[in-house]
Amino acid sequence: MGKIDLKKELKFLYQPSAKAVVEVEVPSLRFLMIDGAGDPNTSPAYAAAVEALFSVSYTAKFMLKKGKQAIDYAVMPLEGLWWADDLASFAADDRSQWQWTMMILQPDFVADAVIDAAIAQVRRKKALPAVSQLRLASFDEGRCAQTLHIGPFSEEGPTIQRVHDHIAARSTLTGKHHEIYLSDIRRGDPAKWKTIIRQPMK
């Protein structure tokens, strides 16, 4: 059995073009999630949340790969939901007031028991307090508009506006601003970072 890559199986969700804004119907998907608040660039809680998510996701992957079924799959990219209680703070890019849910999609064949075992193993082997804040939950986004942004996060504004303009011409915005981080920002050139910008719509 080859390596399973859900980004390819869910190509309509995870491989959009940067040339156009498209509408997609996002089904209910299962995510490992963690909630927090504050500037992602300076908040220790944000860094701890991301580390906990990836630690458990990779631990679950290797548990299945070494198990009886020997299933191998690619860990999905980091995703983030972003909002602020005060919309003016969000619009003004006042990141200290931002709230977020960071999450990683878990394939259906990764049983809840495997995730629980992975959380227990990470808790036992690593001193990651944020692991205790993880939760596994279904997320049903429904109708959304999305496109691909290429470049640093600081230049997302025009791309986000394109998505919002597309929605405004057809419907209204709903839900939370959603980003999917396809690039490893620790290694890649910021000019080539790839981020999916997704916005739910009525």
Protein backbone atom coordinates (compact mmCIF):
# COMPACT_ATOMS: atom_id res chain seq x y z
CA MET A 1 0.00 0.00 0.00
CA GLY A 2 1.37 3.40 -0.98
CA LYS A 3 1.43 6.54 1.07
CA ILE A 4 -1.99 8.18 1.41
CA ASP A 5 -2.06 11.94 0.78
CA LEU A 6 -5.39 13.56 1.59
CA LYS A 7 -4.27 16.83 -0.02
CA LYS A 8 -4.48 14.97 -3.34
CA GLU A 9 -7.69 13.09 -2.50
CA LEU A 10 -9.27 16.38 -1.40
CA LYS A 11 -7.69 18.33 -4.23
CA PHE A 12 -10.71 20.64 -4.58
CA LEU A 13 -10.08 21.84 -1.01
CA TYR A 14 -6.29 21.80 -0.75
CA GLN A 15 -4.99 22.64 -4.23
CA PRO A 16 -6.72 25.84 -5.37
CA SER A 17 -5.29 28.11 -8.03
CA ALA A 18 -3.94 31.56 -7.22
CA LYS A 19 -5.53 32.88 -10.41
CA ALA A 20 -9.14 32.82 -9.33
CA VAL A 21 -11.49 32.75 -6.37
CA VAL A 22 -13.57 29.57 -6.41
CA GLU A 23 -16.51 28.33 -4.40
CA VAL A 24 -16.34 24.97 -2.65
CA GLU A 25 -18.67 22.93 -0.47
CA VAL A 26 -16.57 21.82 2.48
CA PRO A 27 -17.86 18.60 4.06
CA SER A 28 -17.71 17.81 7.75
CA LEU A 29 -14.08 16.97 8.52
CA ARG A 30 -12.37 15.79 11.70
CA PHE A 31 -9.64 17.93 13.21
CA LEU A 32 -7.29 17.91 16.15
CA MET A 33 -7.78 21.44 17.49
CA ILE A 34 -6.48 23.85 20.08
CA ASP A 35 -7.80 27.31 20.98
CA GLY A 36 -5.92 30.41 22.03
CA ALA A 37 -5.54 34.17 21.76
CA GLY A 38 -2.86 36.76 21.08
CA ASP A 39 -0.33 37.73 18.43
CA PRO A 40 0.90 34.53 16.73
CA ASN A 41 4.27 36.17 16.08
CA THR A 42 5.00 36.82 19.75
CA SER A 43 2.69 34.59 21.80
CA PRO A 44 4.41 31.65 23.55
CA ALA A 45 0.97 30.02 23.74
CA TYR A 46 0.70 30.01 19.95
CA ALA A 47 4.09 28.35 19.47
CA ALA A 48 3.24 25.79 22.16
CA ALA A 49 -0.11 25.06 20.50
CA VAL A 50 1.44 24.41 17.11
CA GLU A 51 4.13 22.17 18.62
CA ALA A 52 1.50 20.13 20.48
CA LEU A 53 -0.61 19.70 17.34
CA PHE A 54 2.26 18.47 15.20
CA SER A 55 3.73 16.28 17.95
CA VAL A 56 0.47 14.38 18.42
CA SER A 57 -0.32 14.23 14.69
CA TYR A 58 3.07 12.73 13.85
CA THR A 59 2.93 10.35 16.82
CA ALA A 60 -0.44 9.05 15.59
CA LYS A 61 0.96 8.66 12.07
CA PHE A 62 3.89 6.54 13.24
CA MET A 63 1.64 4.47 15.49
CA LEU A 64 -0.46 3.48 12.48
CA LYS A 65 2.56 2.98 10.24
CA LYS A 66 4.08 0.53 12.75
CA GLY A 67 0.75 -1.13 13.59
CA LYS A 68 -0.83 -4.30 12.21
CA GLN A 69 -2.41 -2.51 9.24
CA ALA A 70 0.80 -0.59 8.46
CA ILE A 71 -1.01 2.44 7.04
CA ASP A 72 1.28 5.24 5.88
CA TYR A 73 -0.07 8.70 5.25
CA ALA A 74 1.07 12.31 4.99
CA VAL A 75 0.32 14.48 8.00
CA MET A 76 -1.95 17.29 6.84
CA PRO A 77 -0.91 20.96 6.95
CA LEU A 78 -1.55 23.36 9.79
CA GLU A 79 -4.78 25.34 9.51
CA GLY A 80 -6.02 28.33 11.44
CA LEU A 81 -9.34 30.00 12.17
CA TRP A 82 -8.92 33.68 13.08
CA TRP A 83 -11.29 36.27 14.55
CA ALA A 84 -11.66 39.03 17.15
CA ASP A 85 -14.56 39.99 19.40
CA ASP A 86 -14.01 43.54 18.20
CA LEU A 87 -14.11 43.45 14.40
CA ALA A 88 -12.33 46.81 14.27
CA SER A 89 -9.33 45.24 16.00
CA PHE A 90 -9.28 42.46 13.42
CA ALA A 91 -9.61 44.83 10.50
CA ALA A 92 -6.89 47.08 11.95
CA ASP A 93 -4.53 44.08 12.23
CA ASP A 94 -4.28 44.49 16.00
CA ARG A 95 -2.99 40.97 16.52
CA SER A 96 -2.83 41.26 20.29
CA GLN A 97 -6.65 41.10 20.22
CA TRP A 98 -6.89 38.15 17.85
CA GLN A 99 -8.39 34.82 18.84
CA TRP A 100 -7.56 31.62 17.03
CA THR A 101 -8.18 27.93 16.67
CA MET A 102 -5.25 26.05 15.20
CA MET A 103 -5.96 22.62 13.78
CA ILE A 104 -4.74 19.66 11.71
CA LEU A 105 -7.08 17.42 9.73
CA GLN A 106 -7.08 13.78 10.86
CA PRO A 107 -7.94 11.06 8.31
CA ASP A 108 -11.05 8.98 9.01
CA PHE A 109 -8.96 5.82 9.36
CA VAL A 110 -7.12 7.31 12.35
CA ALA A 111 -9.41 6.13 15.12
CA ASP A 112 -10.18 8.26 18.16
CA ALA A 113 -8.37 5.65 20.26
CA VAL A 114 -5.19 6.19 18.24
CA ILE A 115 -5.36 9.93 18.84
CA ASP A 116 -5.95 9.33 22.55
CA ALA A 117 -2.94 7.00 22.66
CA ALA A 118 -0.81 9.53 20.77
CA ILE A 119 -1.78 12.28 23.21
CA ALA A 120 -0.90 10.02 26.14
CA GLN A 121 2.47 9.13 24.60
CA VAL A 122 3.39 12.74 23.86
CA ARG A 123 2.34 13.75 27.37
CA ARG A 124 4.52 10.99 28.79
CA LYS A 125 7.61 11.62 26.66
CA LYS A 126 7.59 15.39 26.22
CA ALA A 127 6.98 18.29 28.56
CA LEU A 128 4.33 19.99 26.41
CA PRO A 129 1.66 21.56 28.65
CA ALA A 130 -0.43 22.54 25.62
CA VAL A 131 -1.15 18.87 24.88
CA SER A 132 -3.76 18.90 27.65
CA GLN A 133 -5.69 21.58 25.71
CA LEU A 134 -6.05 19.54 22.50
CA ARG A 135 -9.48 18.37 21.41
CA LEU A 136 -10.70 16.19 18.55
CA ALA A 137 -13.82 17.54 16.86
CA SER A 138 -15.77 17.60 13.62
CA PHE A 139 -15.87 20.90 11.76
CA ASP A 140 -18.56 21.55 9.16
CA GLU A 141 -17.79 24.68 7.14
CA GLY A 142 -20.22 24.30 4.25
CA ARG A 143 -20.22 26.79 1.38
CA CYS A 144 -16.96 28.77 1.13
CA ALA A 145 -14.96 30.89 -1.26
CA GLN A 146 -11.22 30.35 -1.44
CA THR A 147 -8.06 31.07 -3.38
CA LEU A 148 -4.30 30.58 -3.04
CA HIS A 149 -2.09 33.38 -1.71
CA ILE A 150 1.59 33.23 -2.70
CA GLY A 151 3.90 35.39 -0.59
CA PRO A 152 4.36 36.48 3.03
CA PHE A 153 1.46 36.73 5.45
CA SER A 154 1.97 40.51 5.63
CA GLU A 155 0.84 40.78 1.98
CA GLU A 156 -2.37 38.77 2.31
CA GLY A 157 -4.62 41.85 2.41
CA PRO A 158 -5.38 42.14 -1.33
CA THR A 159 -5.94 38.37 -1.62
CA ILE A 160 -8.37 38.41 1.29
CA GLN A 161 -10.15 41.38 -0.28
CA ARG A 162 -10.56 39.45 -3.56
CA VAL A 163 -12.25 36.63 -1.65
CA HIS A 164 -14.49 39.05 0.22
CA ASP A 165 -15.41 40.90 -2.98
CA HIS A 166 -16.34 37.60 -4.65
CA ILE A 167 -18.65 36.77 -1.74
CA ALA A 168 -20.14 40.27 -1.53
CA ALA A 169 -21.19 40.07 -5.19
CA ARG A 170 -23.10 36.84 -4.56
CA SER A 171 -23.94 36.45 -0.89
CA THR A 172 -22.68 37.53 2.53
CA LEU A 173 -19.76 36.50 4.73
CA THR A 174 -20.31 34.17 7.65
CA GLY A 175 -18.11 32.13 9.96
CA LYS A 176 -14.42 32.70 10.63
CA HIS A 177 -11.48 33.67 8.45
CA HIS A 178 -9.69 30.41 7.59
CA GLU A 179 -6.08 29.95 6.48
CA ILE A 180 -4.32 26.73 5.43
CA TYR A 181 -0.53 26.82 5.53
CA LEU A 182 0.92 24.69 2.73
CA SER A 183 4.53 25.83 3.18
CA ASP A 184 7.09 25.18 5.91
CA ILE A 185 7.77 28.78 6.88
CA ARG A 186 10.85 27.75 8.88
CA ARG A 187 12.66 26.83 5.68
CA GLY A 188 10.97 28.42 2.69
CA ASP A 189 11.47 31.80 1.05
CA PRO A 190 8.61 34.07 2.26
CA ALA A 191 8.05 35.21 -1.33
CA LYS A 192 7.09 31.61 -2.20
CA TRP A 193 4.96 30.74 0.84
CA LYS A 194 1.63 29.21 -0.17
CA THR A 195 -1.43 29.87 1.97
CA ILE A 196 -5.03 29.01 1.14
CA ILE A 197 -7.39 31.84 2.09
CA ARG A 198 -10.89 30.49 2.77
CA GLN A 199 -14.01 32.33 3.92
CA PRO A 200 -17.40 30.75 4.65
CA MET A 201 -20.37 32.36 2.93
CA LYS A 202 -24.14 32.15 3.29
